[in-house]
Amino acid sequence: MAALTAPRCASLETHHYVTGKPGAGHHGPVAVFLEGAPLPASYEEIGLVQVVSSGGSNITKLLPALRDEAASLGANAVLLVRVDQGADHASATGVAVTISK
């Protein structure tokens, strides 16, 4: 007898923890700097942002959600982004910042 299972739909949850001063929502592009990439010379930290997925999402779904969460805090970049992926879950975490120009 074969067991049948329904395919799991991926669900995304976003979280943030404010460590600085959030601003009005940012409506432009949000840059992503992966862990290990050179960092901008000047920036102001707003908070930590995270996206957690169950059901098999990958980086192509995690990063847009991470950008959206950061933008909602007024950030124009996410630094030190780390992506972890397992068999049935994935997450992306980073530091939401405003890069000085």
Foldseek 3Di string as FASTA:
>chain_A
DDDDDDQDDKDKDKDKDFDFQFDAAADDAEAEAEAPGDDAPDKAWTTKMKMKMFRDDDPVPAVVVRRRVLRNRVARYWYHWDWDDDDGMIMIMTIGIHGDD
